[in-house]
């Protein structure tokens, strides 16, 4: 199996792991609840909801050309949350929308 196939297999395993959780564990609520969930994730809360946020962000990072592979996008997304950069962007967006 070539390197590209290995990368694809790893990305599939990441997706299977994330989506093997029950919907109840990632379910949101109304707008206020969802905002609180997102803020908690960006402040470092871990769990299935964070995994979904990271996967979605990774897909956007790859689609935007900032990474070639989902694994790289996942690493970038996780780093952004860990360093607080994602929360700073959310705060800046809030400030901009006032």
N, C-alpha and C. Protein backbone atom coordinates (compact mmCIF):
# COMPACT_ATOMS: atom_id res chain seq x y z
N UNK A 1 0.85 -1.17 0.00
CA UNK A 1 0.00 0.00 0.00
C UNK A 1 0.90 1.24 0.00
N UNK A 2 0.60 2.19 -0.85
CA UNK A 2 1.45 3.38 -0.93
C UNK A 2 1.13 4.37 0.20
N UNK A 3 1.94 5.41 0.31
CA UNK A 3 1.82 6.38 1.39
C UNK A 3 0.46 7.07 1.38
N UNK A 4 -0.03 7.41 0.19
CA UNK A 4 -1.33 8.09 0.09
C UNK A 4 -2.45 7.20 0.61
N UNK A 5 -2.40 5.90 0.30
CA UNK A 5 -3.41 4.98 0.81
C UNK A 5 -3.32 4.86 2.33
N UNK A 6 -2.10 4.84 2.87
CA UNK A 6 -1.93 4.79 4.32
C UNK A 6 -2.54 6.03 4.97
N UNK A 7 -2.31 7.21 4.38
CA UNK A 7 -2.87 8.45 4.91
C UNK A 7 -4.39 8.40 4.89
N UNK A 8 -4.94 7.91 3.78
CA UNK A 8 -6.39 7.81 3.66
C UNK A 8 -6.95 6.87 4.72
N UNK A 9 -6.29 5.76 4.95
CA UNK A 9 -6.74 4.79 5.94
C UNK A 9 -6.71 5.41 7.34
N UNK A 10 -5.65 6.17 7.66
CA UNK A 10 -5.56 6.82 8.97
C UNK A 10 -6.68 7.84 9.13
N UNK A 11 -6.96 8.60 8.08
CA UNK A 11 -8.03 9.60 8.14
C UNK A 11 -9.38 8.91 8.34
N UNK A 12 -9.60 7.77 7.69
CA UNK A 12 -10.84 7.03 7.88
C UNK A 12 -10.95 6.56 9.32
N UNK A 13 -9.85 6.10 9.90
CA UNK A 13 -9.86 5.64 11.29
C UNK A 13 -10.20 6.78 12.24
N UNK A 14 -9.67 7.97 11.97
CA UNK A 14 -9.99 9.14 12.79
C UNK A 14 -11.49 9.41 12.72
N UNK A 15 -12.04 9.40 11.52
CA UNK A 15 -13.47 9.66 11.36
C UNK A 15 -14.32 8.60 12.04
N UNK A 16 -13.93 7.34 11.91
CA UNK A 16 -14.68 6.26 12.54
C UNK A 16 -14.66 6.43 14.05
N UNK A 17 -13.50 6.76 14.60
CA UNK A 17 -13.39 6.96 16.05
C UNK A 17 -14.31 8.09 16.51
N UNK A 18 -14.28 9.20 15.82
CA UNK A 18 -15.07 10.35 16.24
C UNK A 18 -16.56 10.07 16.09
N UNK A 19 -16.94 9.41 15.03
CA UNK A 19 -18.37 9.21 14.79
C UNK A 19 -18.90 7.90 15.37
N UNK A 20 -18.12 7.24 16.21
CA UNK A 20 -18.62 6.05 16.88
C UNK A 20 -19.33 6.40 18.19
N UNK A 21 -19.38 7.67 18.54
CA UNK A 21 -20.08 8.09 19.75
C UNK A 21 -21.56 8.25 19.45
N UNK A 22 -22.36 8.15 20.49
CA UNK A 22 -23.80 8.29 20.28
C UNK A 22 -24.14 9.76 20.03
N UNK A 23 -25.21 9.96 19.32
CA UNK A 23 -25.66 11.32 19.00
C UNK A 23 -25.97 12.10 20.27
N UNK A 24 -26.42 11.42 21.32
CA UNK A 24 -26.74 12.10 22.57
C UNK A 24 -25.52 12.77 23.19
N UNK A 25 -24.34 12.22 22.95
CA UNK A 25 -23.12 12.78 23.54
C UNK A 25 -22.65 14.04 22.82
N UNK A 26 -23.13 14.26 21.61
CA UNK A 26 -22.71 15.45 20.86
C UNK A 26 -23.86 16.41 20.59
N UNK A 27 -25.05 16.04 21.04
CA UNK A 27 -26.23 16.87 20.80
C UNK A 27 -26.08 18.23 21.47
N UNK A 28 -26.52 19.24 20.77
CA UNK A 28 -26.51 20.59 21.31
C UNK A 28 -27.86 20.94 21.87
N UNK A 29 -28.19 22.20 21.75
CA UNK A 29 -29.48 22.68 22.26
C UNK A 29 -29.90 23.91 21.51
N UNK A 30 -30.41 24.89 22.23
CA UNK A 30 -30.79 26.14 21.59
C UNK A 30 -29.53 26.99 21.35
N UNK A 31 -29.72 28.16 20.79
CA UNK A 31 -28.57 29.00 20.42
C UNK A 31 -27.70 29.32 21.63
N UNK A 32 -28.31 29.65 22.75
CA UNK A 32 -27.53 29.99 23.95
C UNK A 32 -26.74 28.79 24.47
N UNK A 33 -27.38 27.62 24.46
CA UNK A 33 -26.69 26.41 24.91
C UNK A 33 -25.53 26.07 23.97
N UNK A 34 -25.76 26.20 22.68
CA UNK A 34 -24.71 25.90 21.70
C UNK A 34 -23.54 26.87 21.82
N UNK A 35 -23.84 28.13 22.09
CA UNK A 35 -22.78 29.11 22.29
C UNK A 35 -21.95 28.75 23.51
N UNK A 36 -22.61 28.33 24.58
CA UNK A 36 -21.91 27.92 25.80
C UNK A 36 -21.06 26.67 25.55
N UNK A 37 -21.60 25.72 24.82
CA UNK A 37 -20.85 24.50 24.49
C UNK A 37 -19.59 24.86 23.71
N UNK A 38 -19.75 25.70 22.69
CA UNK A 38 -18.59 26.08 21.88
C UNK A 38 -17.55 26.81 22.72
N UNK A 39 -17.99 27.74 23.54
CA UNK A 39 -17.04 28.48 24.37
C UNK A 39 -16.30 27.54 25.32
N UNK A 40 -17.01 26.59 25.91
CA UNK A 40 -16.37 25.62 26.80
C UNK A 40 -15.32 24.79 26.05
N UNK A 41 -15.64 24.40 24.83
CA UNK A 41 -14.69 23.65 24.01
C UNK A 41 -13.46 24.50 23.74
N UNK A 42 -13.68 25.75 23.37
CA UNK A 42 -12.55 26.64 23.05
C UNK A 42 -11.74 27.00 24.29
N UNK A 43 -12.32 26.82 25.47
CA UNK A 43 -11.60 27.05 26.73
C UNK A 43 -10.88 25.78 27.20
N UNK A 44 -11.01 24.69 26.43
CA UNK A 44 -10.24 23.49 26.73
C UNK A 44 -11.02 22.25 27.11
N UNK A 45 -12.35 22.34 27.18
CA UNK A 45 -13.14 21.15 27.51
C UNK A 45 -12.91 20.07 26.45
N UNK A 46 -12.71 18.87 26.90
CA UNK A 46 -12.47 17.74 25.98
C UNK A 46 -13.68 16.83 25.96
N UNK A 47 -13.76 16.02 24.92
CA UNK A 47 -14.84 15.05 24.79
C UNK A 47 -15.30 14.96 23.36
N UNK A 48 -16.37 14.21 23.14
CA UNK A 48 -16.86 13.98 21.78
C UNK A 48 -17.26 15.26 21.04
N UNK A 49 -17.80 16.24 21.76
CA UNK A 49 -18.18 17.49 21.10
C UNK A 49 -16.93 18.20 20.56
N UNK A 50 -15.88 18.23 21.36
CA UNK A 50 -14.64 18.84 20.89
C UNK A 50 -14.11 18.08 19.67
N UNK A 51 -14.20 16.76 19.71
CA UNK A 51 -13.73 15.96 18.58
C UNK A 51 -14.44 16.35 17.29
N UNK A 52 -15.74 16.58 17.38
CA UNK A 52 -16.51 16.98 16.20
C UNK A 52 -16.10 18.38 15.75
N UNK A 53 -15.91 19.29 16.69
CA UNK A 53 -15.47 20.66 16.36
C UNK A 53 -14.11 20.59 15.66
N UNK A 54 -13.19 19.80 16.19
CA UNK A 54 -11.86 19.67 15.60
C UNK A 54 -11.96 19.09 14.20
N UNK A 55 -12.78 18.06 14.01
CA UNK A 55 -12.92 17.45 12.69
C UNK A 55 -13.49 18.43 11.68
N UNK A 56 -14.50 19.20 12.08
CA UNK A 56 -15.08 20.20 11.18
C UNK A 56 -14.07 21.29 10.83
N UNK A 57 -13.35 21.75 11.85
CA UNK A 57 -12.33 22.77 11.60
C UNK A 57 -11.24 22.22 10.69
N UNK A 58 -10.84 20.98 10.91
CA UNK A 58 -9.81 20.37 10.07
C UNK A 58 -10.26 20.30 8.61
N UNK A 59 -11.51 19.95 8.39
CA UNK A 59 -12.03 19.90 7.02
C UNK A 59 -11.98 21.28 6.37
N UNK A 60 -12.33 22.31 7.14
CA UNK A 60 -12.26 23.68 6.61
C UNK A 60 -10.82 24.09 6.34
N UNK A 61 -9.92 23.70 7.20
CA UNK A 61 -8.50 24.01 7.02
C UNK A 61 -7.97 23.37 5.75
N UNK A 62 -8.33 22.13 5.50
CA UNK A 62 -7.91 21.43 4.28
C UNK A 62 -8.58 22.06 3.06
N UNK A 63 -9.88 22.31 3.15
CA UNK A 63 -10.60 22.90 2.02
C UNK A 63 -10.05 24.28 1.68
N UNK A 64 -9.61 25.01 2.69
CA UNK A 64 -9.05 26.35 2.48
C UNK A 64 -7.60 26.34 2.02
N UNK A 65 -7.00 25.15 1.96
CA UNK A 65 -5.64 25.03 1.44
C UNK A 65 -4.54 25.24 2.47
N UNK A 66 -4.88 25.38 3.75
CA UNK A 66 -3.85 25.59 4.79
C UNK A 66 -3.21 24.27 5.22
N UNK A 67 -3.78 23.15 4.79
CA UNK A 67 -3.21 21.82 5.05
C UNK A 67 -3.58 20.92 3.89
N UNK A 68 -2.73 19.94 3.63
CA UNK A 68 -2.99 19.01 2.53
C UNK A 68 -3.78 17.79 2.97
N UNK A 69 -3.64 17.42 4.24
CA UNK A 69 -4.28 16.19 4.73
C UNK A 69 -5.11 16.48 5.97
N UNK A 70 -6.12 15.66 6.20
CA UNK A 70 -6.97 15.82 7.38
C UNK A 70 -6.14 15.74 8.66
N UNK A 71 -5.18 14.84 8.70
CA UNK A 71 -4.35 14.73 9.91
C UNK A 71 -3.67 16.05 10.22
N UNK A 72 -3.16 16.71 9.20
CA UNK A 72 -2.52 18.01 9.41
C UNK A 72 -3.54 19.05 9.85
N UNK A 73 -4.71 19.01 9.25
CA UNK A 73 -5.78 19.93 9.64
C UNK A 73 -6.21 19.71 11.08
N UNK A 74 -6.28 18.46 11.49
CA UNK A 74 -6.63 18.13 12.87
C UNK A 74 -5.58 18.68 13.82
N UNK A 75 -4.34 18.50 13.47
CA UNK A 75 -3.24 19.00 14.32
C UNK A 75 -3.31 20.53 14.45
N UNK A 76 -3.56 21.20 13.34
CA UNK A 76 -3.67 22.67 13.35
C UNK A 76 -4.86 23.11 14.20
N UNK A 77 -6.01 22.46 14.02
CA UNK A 77 -7.21 22.81 14.78
C UNK A 77 -7.00 22.60 16.27
N UNK A 78 -6.43 21.45 16.63
CA UNK A 78 -6.20 21.17 18.05
C UNK A 78 -5.22 22.18 18.65
N UNK A 79 -4.19 22.51 17.90
CA UNK A 79 -3.21 23.49 18.37
C UNK A 79 -3.86 24.86 18.57
N UNK A 80 -4.73 25.24 17.67
CA UNK A 80 -5.42 26.52 17.77
C UNK A 80 -6.27 26.59 19.03
N UNK A 81 -6.93 25.51 19.36
CA UNK A 81 -7.73 25.48 20.59
C UNK A 81 -6.81 25.48 21.81
N UNK A 82 -5.80 24.65 21.81
CA UNK A 82 -4.89 24.54 22.96
C UNK A 82 -4.18 25.85 23.27
N UNK A 83 -3.74 26.56 22.24
CA UNK A 83 -3.03 27.83 22.43
C UNK A 83 -3.96 28.99 22.77
N UNK A 84 -5.26 28.78 22.60
CA UNK A 84 -6.22 29.85 22.88
C UNK A 84 -6.49 30.73 21.67
N UNK A 85 -5.88 30.41 20.53
CA UNK A 85 -6.06 31.23 19.33
C UNK A 85 -7.50 31.19 18.83
N UNK A 86 -8.14 30.03 18.91
CA UNK A 86 -9.52 29.91 18.44
C UNK A 86 -10.46 30.76 19.29
N UNK A 87 -10.24 30.76 20.60
CA UNK A 87 -11.07 31.57 21.49
C UNK A 87 -10.84 33.06 21.23
N UNK A 88 -9.61 33.44 20.98
CA UNK A 88 -9.31 34.84 20.66
C UNK A 88 -10.03 35.27 19.38
N UNK A 89 -10.08 34.38 18.38
CA UNK A 89 -10.80 34.69 17.13
C UNK A 89 -12.30 34.85 17.40
N UNK A 90 -12.85 33.98 18.23
CA UNK A 90 -14.27 34.10 18.58
C UNK A 90 -14.53 35.43 19.28
N UNK A 91 -13.67 35.79 20.22
CA UNK A 91 -13.82 37.07 20.92
C UNK A 91 -13.73 38.25 19.95
N UNK A 92 -12.80 38.16 18.99
CA UNK A 92 -12.65 39.23 17.99
C UNK A 92 -13.91 39.32 17.12
N UNK A 93 -14.47 38.19 16.76
CA UNK A 93 -15.70 38.18 15.96
C UNK A 93 -16.86 38.78 16.74
N UNK A 94 -16.94 38.46 18.02
CA UNK A 94 -17.98 39.06 18.87
C UNK A 94 -17.83 40.57 18.91
N UNK A 95 -16.62 41.02 19.08
CA UNK A 95 -16.33 42.47 19.16
C UNK A 95 -16.69 43.15 17.83
N UNK A 96 -16.36 42.52 16.74
CA UNK A 96 -16.65 43.06 15.41
C UNK A 96 -18.15 43.16 15.15
N UNK A 97 -18.89 42.24 15.71
CA UNK A 97 -20.33 42.21 15.43
C UNK A 97 -21.15 43.13 16.32
N UNK A 98 -20.51 43.86 17.22
CA UNK A 98 -21.25 44.79 18.10
C UNK A 98 -21.65 46.03 17.37
